[in-house]
Amino acid sequence: MKTATIPSLRVEPDLRKAAESVLGEGETLSNFMEEALRAGIMRRKAQQEFMSRGLASRDEARQTGEYYAAEVVHAELRSMLAHAEKSSR
């Protein structure tokens, strides 16, 4: 049940037409906007978490003095990807 509203959004007529042109069957513009808002929130939270992990990793490396060469990290990531691809087959 919806208990709050989002402020109305004024857009150019072309943007509204573009949004309406991609609606799924039975989907309303309101449904589309709510889904877009949820996706935007999730993306921003993921970005914030990514930045937090990166800054924490930087701080830990500075504290411990333990750093890794990019080539070593890339090789490990390639190995992990190859293993994951092999396992998914």
PDB file of N, CA and C in Angstrom:
ATOM      1  N   MET A   1       0.841  -1.177   0.000  1.00  0.00           N
ATOM      2  CA  MET A   1       0.000   0.000   0.000  1.00  0.00           C
ATOM      3  C   MET A   1       0.889   1.244   0.000  1.00  0.00           C
ATOM      4  N   LYS A   2       0.571   2.165  -0.878  1.00  0.00           N
ATOM      5  CA  LYS A   2       1.342   3.389  -0.969  1.00  0.00           C
ATOM      6  C   LYS A   2       0.859   4.368   0.089  1.00  0.00           C
ATOM      7  N   THR A   3       1.815   4.935   0.815  1.00  0.00           N
ATOM      8  CA  THR A   3       1.450   5.846   1.894  1.00  0.00           C
ATOM      9  C   THR A   3       2.044   7.229   1.729  1.00  0.00           C
ATOM     10  N   ALA A   4       2.830   7.442   0.676  1.00  0.00           N
ATOM     11  CA  ALA A   4       3.441   8.744   0.463  1.00  0.00           C
ATOM     12  C   ALA A   4       3.454   9.046  -1.028  1.00  0.00           C
ATOM     13  N   THR A   5       3.642  10.304  -1.348  1.00  0.00           N
ATOM     14  CA  THR A   5       3.713  10.686  -2.753  1.00  0.00           C
ATOM     15  C   THR A   5       5.069  11.309  -3.043  1.00  0.00           C
ATOM     16  N   ILE A   6       5.432  11.259  -4.304  1.00  0.00           N
ATOM     17  CA  ILE A   6       6.643  11.901  -4.799  1.00  0.00           C
ATOM     18  C   ILE A   6       6.177  13.186  -5.482  1.00  0.00           C
ATOM     19  N   PRO A   7       6.931  14.252  -5.349  1.00  0.00           N
ATOM     20  CA  PRO A   7       6.517  15.487  -6.024  1.00  0.00           C
ATOM     21  C   PRO A   7       6.339  15.260  -7.529  1.00  0.00           C
ATOM     22  N   SER A   8       5.370  15.969  -8.111  1.00  0.00           N
ATOM     23  CA  SER A   8       5.153  15.830  -9.552  1.00  0.00           C
ATOM     24  C   SER A   8       6.410  16.275 -10.290  1.00  0.00           C
ATOM     25  N   LEU A   9       6.588  15.723 -11.445  1.00  0.00           N
ATOM     26  CA  LEU A   9       7.810  15.937 -12.200  1.00  0.00           C
ATOM     27  C   LEU A   9       7.463  16.589 -13.533  1.00  0.00           C
ATOM     28  N   ARG A  10       7.959  17.788 -13.754  1.00  0.00           N
ATOM     29  CA  ARG A  10       7.731  18.478 -15.022  1.00  0.00           C
ATOM     30  C   ARG A  10       8.872  18.120 -15.971  1.00  0.00           C
ATOM     31  N   VAL A  11       8.501  17.644 -17.159  1.00  0.00           N
ATOM     32  CA  VAL A  11       9.497  17.254 -18.157  1.00  0.00           C
ATOM     33  C   VAL A  11       9.092  17.800 -19.519  1.00  0.00           C
ATOM     34  N   GLU A  12      10.043  17.781 -20.431  1.00  0.00           N
ATOM     35  CA  GLU A  12       9.759  18.173 -21.816  1.00  0.00           C
ATOM     36  C   GLU A  12       8.778  17.166 -22.417  1.00  0.00           C
ATOM     37  N   PRO A  13       7.900  17.613 -23.280  1.00  0.00           N
ATOM     38  CA  PRO A  13       6.940  16.693 -23.906  1.00  0.00           C
ATOM     39  C   PRO A  13       7.617  15.514 -24.615  1.00  0.00           C
ATOM     40  N   ASP A  14       8.778  15.753 -25.221  1.00  0.00           N
ATOM     41  CA  ASP A  14       9.483  14.660 -25.903  1.00  0.00           C
ATOM     42  C   ASP A  14       9.930  13.576 -24.932  1.00  0.00           C
ATOM     43  N   LEU A  15      10.333  13.964 -23.722  1.00  0.00           N
ATOM     44  CA  LEU A  15      10.748  12.975 -22.731  1.00  0.00           C
ATOM     45  C   LEU A  15       9.551  12.143 -22.290  1.00  0.00           C
ATOM     46  N   ARG A  16       8.418  12.781 -22.085  1.00  0.00           N
ATOM     47  CA  ARG A  16       7.216  12.035 -21.708  1.00  0.00           C
ATOM     48  C   ARG A  16       6.837  11.054 -22.811  1.00  0.00           C
ATOM     49  N   LYS A  17       6.867  11.510 -24.057  1.00  0.00           N
ATOM     50  CA  LYS A  17       6.538  10.620 -25.178  1.00  0.00           C
ATOM     51  C   LYS A  17       7.500   9.444 -25.238  1.00  0.00           C
ATOM     52  N   ALA A  18       8.787   9.703 -25.010  1.00  0.00           N
ATOM     53  CA  ALA A  18       9.785   8.629 -25.029  1.00  0.00           C
ATOM     54  C   ALA A  18       9.496   7.620 -23.920  1.00  0.00           C
ATOM     55  N   ALA A  19       9.151   8.111 -22.747  1.00  0.00           N
ATOM     56  CA  ALA A  19       8.832   7.205 -21.634  1.00  0.00           C
ATOM     57  C   ALA A  19       7.592   6.383 -21.953  1.00  0.00           C
ATOM     58  N   GLU A  20       6.583   7.022 -22.479  1.00  0.00           N
ATOM     59  CA  GLU A  20       5.344   6.309 -22.811  1.00  0.00           C
ATOM     60  C   GLU A  20       5.569   5.279 -23.908  1.00  0.00           C
ATOM     61  N   SER A  21       6.534   5.548 -24.796  1.00  0.00           N
ATOM     62  CA  SER A  21       6.777   4.634 -25.916  1.00  0.00           C
ATOM     63  C   SER A  21       7.412   3.318 -25.483  1.00  0.00           C
ATOM     64  N   VAL A  22       7.966   3.266 -24.299  1.00  0.00           N
ATOM     65  CA  VAL A  22       8.632   2.036 -23.846  1.00  0.00           C
ATOM     66  C   VAL A  22       7.863   1.310 -22.750  1.00  0.00           C
ATOM     67  N   LEU A  23       6.672   1.765 -22.450  1.00  0.00           N
ATOM     68  CA  LEU A  23       5.877   1.096 -21.416  1.00  0.00           C
ATOM     69  C   LEU A  23       5.488  -0.306 -21.861  1.00  0.00           C
ATOM     70  N   GLY A  24       5.543  -1.222 -20.906  1.00  0.00           N
ATOM     71  CA  GLY A  24       5.094  -2.579 -21.182  1.00  0.00           C
ATOM     72  C   GLY A  24       3.578  -2.645 -21.184  1.00  0.00           C
ATOM     73  N   GLU A  25       3.052  -3.759 -21.655  1.00  0.00           N
ATOM     74  CA  GLU A  25       1.602  -3.922 -21.704  1.00  0.00           C
ATOM     75  C   GLU A  25       1.024  -3.846 -20.293  1.00  0.00           C
ATOM     76  N   GLY A  26       0.055  -2.987 -20.112  1.00  0.00           N
ATOM     77  CA  GLY A  26      -0.593  -2.815 -18.815  1.00  0.00           C
ATOM     78  C   GLY A  26       0.205  -1.958 -17.842  1.00  0.00           C
ATOM     79  N   GLU A  27       1.376  -1.507 -18.243  1.00  0.00           N
ATOM     80  CA  GLU A  27       2.214  -0.690 -17.360  1.00  0.00           C
ATOM     81  C   GLU A  27       1.806   0.774 -17.488  1.00  0.00           C
ATOM     82  N   THR A  28       1.752   1.436 -16.358  1.00  0.00           N
ATOM     83  CA  THR A  28       1.425   2.857 -16.360  1.00  0.00           C
ATOM     84  C   THR A  28       2.703   3.674 -16.244  1.00  0.00           C
ATOM     85  N   LEU A  29       2.575   4.934 -16.579  1.00  0.00           N
ATOM     86  CA  LEU A  29       3.713   5.827 -16.436  1.00  0.00           C
ATOM     87  C   LEU A  29       4.136   5.898 -14.971  1.00  0.00           C
ATOM     88  N   SER A  30       3.171   5.849 -14.062  1.00  0.00           N
ATOM     89  CA  SER A  30       3.489   5.854 -12.633  1.00  0.00           C
ATOM     90  C   SER A  30       4.286   4.621 -12.231  1.00  0.00           C
ATOM     91  N   ASN A  31       3.879   3.452 -12.746  1.00  0.00           N
ATOM     92  CA  ASN A  31       4.634   2.219 -12.469  1.00  0.00           C
ATOM     93  C   ASN A  31       6.056   2.332 -12.973  1.00  0.00           C
ATOM     94  N   PHE A  32       6.204   2.857 -14.189  1.00  0.00           N
ATOM     95  CA  PHE A  32       7.517   3.025 -14.796  1.00  0.00           C
ATOM     96  C   PHE A  32       8.383   3.950 -13.957  1.00  0.00           C
ATOM     97  N   MET A  33       7.818   5.068 -13.531  1.00  0.00           N
ATOM     98  CA  MET A  33       8.566   6.041 -12.736  1.00  0.00           C
ATOM     99  C   MET A  33       8.965   5.455 -11.383  1.00  0.00           C
ATOM    100  N   GLU A  34       8.067   4.699 -10.757  1.00  0.00           N
ATOM    101  CA  GLU A  34       8.400   4.082  -9.473  1.00  0.00           C
ATOM    102  C   GLU A  34       9.542   3.079  -9.638  1.00  0.00           C
ATOM    103  N   GLU A  35       9.478   2.277 -10.697  1.00  0.00           N
ATOM    104  CA  GLU A  35      10.534   1.300 -10.954  1.00  0.00           C
ATOM    105  C   GLU A  35      11.870   2.007 -11.223  1.00  0.00           C
ATOM    106  N   ALA A  36      11.824   3.088 -11.997  1.00  0.00           N
ATOM    107  CA  ALA A  36      13.040   3.844 -12.293  1.00  0.00           C
ATOM    108  C   ALA A  36      13.620   4.452 -11.025  1.00  0.00           C
ATOM    109  N   LEU A  37      12.768   4.939 -10.155  1.00  0.00           N
ATOM    110  CA  LEU A  37      13.226   5.519  -8.891  1.00  0.00           C
ATOM    111  C   LEU A  37      13.873   4.451  -8.015  1.00  0.00           C
ATOM    112  N   ARG A  38      13.249   3.293  -7.920  1.00  0.00           N
ATOM    113  CA  ARG A  38      13.829   2.201  -7.128  1.00  0.00           C
ATOM    114  C   ARG A  38      15.194   1.770  -7.686  1.00  0.00           C
ATOM    115  N   ALA A  39      15.273   1.655  -9.015  1.00  0.00           N
ATOM    116  CA  ALA A  39      16.540   1.264  -9.643  1.00  0.00           C
ATOM    117  C   ALA A  39      17.617   2.314  -9.397  1.00  0.00           C
ATOM    118  N   GLY A  40      17.246   3.579  -9.469  1.00  0.00           N
ATOM    119  CA  GLY A  40      18.201   4.651  -9.207  1.00  0.00           C
ATOM    120  C   GLY A  40      18.704   4.628  -7.776  1.00  0.00           C
ATOM    121  N   ILE A  41      17.814   4.362  -6.844  1.00  0.00           N
ATOM    122  CA  ILE A  41      18.196   4.276  -5.429  1.00  0.00           C
ATOM    123  C   ILE A  41      19.157   3.115  -5.219  1.00  0.00           C
ATOM    124  N   MET A  42      18.842   1.963  -5.802  1.00  0.00           N
ATOM    125  CA  MET A  42      19.712   0.789  -5.649  1.00  0.00           C
ATOM    126  C   MET A  42      21.086   1.061  -6.251  1.00  0.00           C
ATOM    127  N   ARG A  43      21.114   1.703  -7.435  1.00  0.00           N
ATOM    128  CA  ARG A  43      22.388   2.002  -8.084  1.00  0.00           C
ATOM    129  C   ARG A  43      23.223   2.949  -7.232  1.00  0.00           C
ATOM    130  N   ARG A  44      22.594   3.967  -6.686  1.00  0.00           N
ATOM    131  CA  ARG A  44      23.338   4.919  -5.855  1.00  0.00           C
ATOM    132  C   ARG A  44      23.837   4.280  -4.567  1.00  0.00           C
ATOM    133  N   LYS A  45      23.039   3.413  -3.964  1.00  0.00           N
ATOM    134  CA  LYS A  45      23.496   2.710  -2.760  1.00  0.00           C
ATOM    135  C   LYS A  45      24.687   1.821  -3.081  1.00  0.00           C
ATOM    136  N   ALA A  46      24.617   1.132  -4.225  1.00  0.00           N
ATOM    137  CA  ALA A  46      25.734   0.273  -4.630  1.00  0.00           C
ATOM    138  C   ALA A  46      26.987   1.109  -4.863  1.00  0.00           C
ATOM    139  N   GLN A  47      26.834   2.278  -5.474  1.00  0.00           N
ATOM    140  CA  GLN A  47      27.982   3.162  -5.693  1.00  0.00           C
ATOM    141  C   GLN A  47      28.574   3.617  -4.362  1.00  0.00           C
ATOM    142  N   GLN A  48      27.713   3.982  -3.420  1.00  0.00           N
ATOM    143  CA  GLN A  48      28.191   4.428  -2.108  1.00  0.00           C
ATOM    144  C   GLN A  48      28.926   3.309  -1.387  1.00  0.00           C
ATOM    145  N   GLU A  49      28.374   2.093  -1.440  1.00  0.00           N
ATOM    146  CA  GLU A  49      29.026   0.954  -0.795  1.00  0.00           C
ATOM    147  C   GLU A  49      30.368   0.657  -1.458  1.00  0.00           C
ATOM    148  N   PHE A  50      30.420   0.744  -2.780  1.00  0.00           N
ATOM    149  CA  PHE A  50      31.661   0.526  -3.515  1.00  0.00           C
ATOM    150  C   PHE A  50      32.722   1.530  -3.077  1.00  0.00           C
ATOM    151  N   MET A  51      32.332   2.795  -2.997  1.00  0.00           N
ATOM    152  CA  MET A  51      33.268   3.834  -2.578  1.00  0.00           C
ATOM    153  C   MET A  51      33.724   3.595  -1.130  1.00  0.00           C
ATOM    154  N   SER A  52      32.809   3.227  -0.261  1.00  0.00           N
ATOM    155  CA  SER A  52      33.171   2.965   1.133  1.00  0.00           C
ATOM    156  C   SER A  52      34.168   1.828   1.247  1.00  0.00           C
ATOM    157  N   ARG A  53      33.919   0.732   0.483  1.00  0.00           N
ATOM    158  CA  ARG A  53      34.856  -0.396   0.509  1.00  0.00           C
ATOM    159  C   ARG A  53      36.215   0.014  -0.039  1.00  0.00           C
ATOM    160  N   GLY A  54      36.217   0.804  -1.103  1.00  0.00           N
ATOM    161  CA  GLY A  54      37.475   1.251  -1.687  1.00  0.00           C
ATOM    162  C   GLY A  54      38.268   2.132  -0.736  1.00  0.00           C
ATOM    163  N   LEU A  55      37.582   3.059  -0.074  1.00  0.00           N
ATOM    164  CA  LEU A  55      38.268   3.937   0.879  1.00  0.00           C
ATOM    165  C   LEU A  55      38.781   3.156   2.084  1.00  0.00           C
ATOM    166  N   ALA A  56      37.989   2.185   2.539  1.00  0.00           N
ATOM    167  CA  ALA A  56      38.431   1.354   3.663  1.00  0.00           C
ATOM    168  C   ALA A  56      39.649   0.537   3.264  1.00  0.00           C
ATOM    169  N   SER A  57      39.643   0.014   2.047  1.00  0.00           N
ATOM    170  CA  SER A  57      40.781  -0.757   1.556  1.00  0.00           C
ATOM    171  C   SER A  57      42.018   0.130   1.460  1.00  0.00           C
ATOM    172  N   ARG A  58      41.838   1.335   0.958  1.00  0.00           N
ATOM    173  CA  ARG A  58      42.956   2.280   0.877  1.00  0.00           C
ATOM    174  C   ARG A  58      43.532   2.554   2.256  1.00  0.00           C
ATOM    175  N   ASP A  59      42.643   2.796   3.210  1.00  0.00           N
ATOM    176  CA  ASP A  59      43.101   3.093   4.575  1.00  0.00           C
ATOM    177  C   ASP A  59      43.833   1.912   5.188  1.00  0.00           C
ATOM    178  N   GLU A  60      43.316   0.700   4.927  1.00  0.00           N
ATOM    179  CA  GLU A  60      43.976  -0.496   5.458  1.00  0.00           C
ATOM    180  C   GLU A  60      45.361  -0.659   4.836  1.00  0.00           C
ATOM    181  N   ALA A  61      45.451  -0.429   3.529  1.00  0.00           N
ATOM    182  CA  ALA A  61      46.755  -0.547   2.860  1.00  0.00           C
ATOM    183  C   ALA A  61      47.735   0.477   3.419  1.00  0.00           C
ATOM    184  N   ARG A  62      47.270   1.673   3.650  1.00  0.00           N
ATOM    185  CA  ARG A  62      48.152   2.694   4.218  1.00  0.00           C
ATOM    186  C   ARG A  62      48.617   2.304   5.620  1.00  0.00           C
ATOM    187  N   GLN A  63      47.699   1.722   6.383  1.00  0.00           N
ATOM    188  CA  GLN A  63      48.016   1.348   7.761  1.00  0.00           C
ATOM    189  C   GLN A  63      48.983   0.175   7.812  1.00  0.00           C
ATOM    190  N   THR A  64      48.755  -0.816   6.955  1.00  0.00           N
ATOM    191  CA  THR A  64      49.581  -2.025   7.005  1.00  0.00           C
ATOM    192  C   THR A  64      50.802  -1.940   6.087  1.00  0.00           C
ATOM    193  N   GLY A  65      50.759  -1.041   5.120  1.00  0.00           N
ATOM    194  CA  GLY A  65      51.842  -0.950   4.152  1.00  0.00           C
ATOM    195  C   GLY A  65      51.803  -2.072   3.132  1.00  0.00           C
ATOM    196  N   GLU A  66      50.723  -2.838   3.109  1.00  0.00           N
ATOM    197  CA  GLU A  66      50.595  -3.977   2.201  1.00  0.00           C
ATOM    198  C   GLU A  66      49.831  -3.549   0.947  1.00  0.00           C
ATOM    199  N   TYR A  67      50.542  -3.507  -0.160  1.00  0.00           N
ATOM    200  CA  TYR A  67      49.964  -3.120  -1.440  1.00  0.00           C
ATOM    201  C   TYR A  67      50.165  -4.244  -2.437  1.00  0.00           C
ATOM    202  N   TYR A  68      49.361  -4.265  -3.490  1.00  0.00           N
ATOM    203  CA  TYR A  68      49.472  -5.287  -4.523  1.00  0.00           C
ATOM    204  C   TYR A  68      49.589  -4.603  -5.872  1.00  0.00           C
ATOM    205  N   ALA A  69      50.441  -5.136  -6.726  1.00  0.00           N
ATOM    206  CA  ALA A  69      50.597  -4.605  -8.081  1.00  0.00           C
ATOM    207  C   ALA A  69      49.333  -4.894  -8.880  1.00  0.00           C
ATOM    208  N   ALA A  70      48.974  -3.972  -9.742  1.00  0.00           N
ATOM    209  CA  ALA A  70      47.771  -4.132 -10.559  1.00  0.00           C
ATOM    210  C   ALA A  70      47.828  -5.418 -11.374  1.00  0.00           C
ATOM    211  N   GLU A  71      48.998  -5.776 -11.882  1.00  0.00           N
ATOM    212  CA  GLU A  71      49.123  -6.984 -12.693  1.00  0.00           C
ATOM    213  C   GLU A  71      48.756  -8.233 -11.894  1.00  0.00           C
ATOM    214  N   VAL A  72      49.133  -8.248 -10.632  1.00  0.00           N
ATOM    215  CA  VAL A  72      48.824  -9.389  -9.767  1.00  0.00           C
ATOM    216  C   VAL A  72      47.323  -9.472  -9.524  1.00  0.00           C
ATOM    217  N   VAL A  73      46.719  -8.341  -9.259  1.00  0.00           N
ATOM    218  CA  VAL A  73      45.271  -8.301  -9.021  1.00  0.00           C
ATOM    219  C   VAL A  73      44.520  -8.718 -10.286  1.00  0.00           C
ATOM    220  N   HIS A  74      44.935  -8.201 -11.434  1.00  0.00           N
ATOM    221  CA  HIS A  74      44.271  -8.556 -12.686  1.00  0.00           C
ATOM    222  C   HIS A  74      44.391 -10.047 -12.981  1.00  0.00           C
ATOM    223  N   ALA A  75      45.539 -10.602 -12.727  1.00  0.00           N
ATOM    224  CA  ALA A  75      45.730 -12.041 -12.951  1.00  0.00           C
ATOM    225  C   ALA A  75      44.804 -12.853 -12.049  1.00  0.00           C
ATOM    226  N   GLU A  76      44.693 -12.450 -10.812  1.00  0.00           N
ATOM    227  CA  GLU A  76      43.801 -13.152  -9.875  1.00  0.00           C
ATOM    228  C   GLU A  76      42.350 -13.031 -10.326  1.00  0.00           C
ATOM    229  N   LEU A  77      41.939 -11.854 -10.776  1.00  0.00           N
ATOM    230  CA  LEU A  77      40.567 -11.657 -11.246  1.00  0.00           C
ATOM    231  C   LEU A  77      40.290 -12.496 -12.498  1.00  0.00           C
ATOM    232  N   ARG A  78      41.262 -12.545 -13.417  1.00  0.00           N
ATOM    233  CA  ARG A  78      41.095 -13.388 -14.607  1.00  0.00           C
ATOM    234  C   ARG A  78      40.934 -14.850 -14.218  1.00  0.00           C
ATOM    235  N   SER A  79      41.703 -15.288 -13.243  1.00  0.00           N
ATOM    236  CA  SER A  79      41.613 -16.667 -12.770  1.00  0.00           C
ATOM    237  C   SER A  79      40.242 -16.942 -12.152  1.00  0.00           C
ATOM    238  N   MET A  80      39.771 -16.010 -11.350  1.00  0.00           N
ATOM    239  CA  MET A  80      38.451 -16.169 -10.728  1.00  0.00           C
ATOM    240  C   MET A  80      37.355 -16.217 -11.793  1.00  0.00           C
ATOM    241  N   LEU A  81      37.446 -15.363 -12.802  1.00  0.00           N
ATOM    242  CA  LEU A  81      36.453 -15.334 -13.876  1.00  0.00           C
ATOM    243  C   LEU A  81      36.470 -16.639 -14.660  1.00  0.00           C
ATOM    244  N   ALA A  82      37.657 -17.120 -14.996  1.00  0.00           N
ATOM    245  CA  ALA A  82      37.770 -18.382 -15.729  1.00  0.00           C
ATOM    246  C   ALA A  82      37.161 -19.522 -14.936  1.00  0.00           C
ATOM    247  N   HIS A  83      37.416 -19.550 -13.646  1.00  0.00           N
ATOM    248  CA  HIS A  83      36.862 -20.603 -12.785  1.00  0.00           C
ATOM    249  C   HIS A  83      35.340 -20.503 -12.747  1.00  0.00           C
ATOM    250  N   ALA A  84      34.801 -19.288 -12.623  1.00  0.00           N
ATOM    251  CA  ALA A  84      33.364 -19.096 -12.572  1.00  0.00           C
ATOM    252  C   ALA A  84      32.721 -19.506 -13.889  1.00  0.00           C
ATOM    253  N   GLU A  85      33.352 -19.161 -14.996  1.00  0.00           N
ATOM    254  CA  GLU A  85      32.811 -19.541 -16.311  1.00  0.00           C
ATOM    255  C   GLU A  85      32.820 -21.048 -16.478  1.00  0.00           C
ATOM    256  N   LYS A  86      33.894 -21.681 -16.030  1.00  0.00           N
ATOM    257  CA  LYS A  86      34.008 -23.141 -16.129  1.00  0.00           C
ATOM    258  C   LYS A  86      32.926 -23.817 -15.265  1.00  0.00           C
ATOM    259  N   SER A  87      32.702 -23.268 -14.089  1.00  0.00           N
ATOM    260  CA  SER A  87      31.723 -23.859 -13.167  1.00  0.00           C
ATOM    261  C   SER A  87      30.291 -23.694 -13.665  1.00  0.00           C
ATOM    262  N   SER A  88      30.030 -22.637 -14.427  1.00  0.00           N
ATOM    263  CA  SER A  88      28.663 -22.386 -14.874  1.00  0.00           C
ATOM    264  C   SER A  88      28.275 -23.244 -16.077  1.00  0.00           C
ATOM    265  N   ARG A  89      29.234 -23.931 -16.670  1.00  0.00           N
ATOM    266  CA  ARG A  89      28.935 -24.769 -17.837  1.00  0.00           C
ATOM    267  C   ARG A  89      28.422 -26.107 -17.461  1.00  0.00           C
TER     268      ARG A  89
END
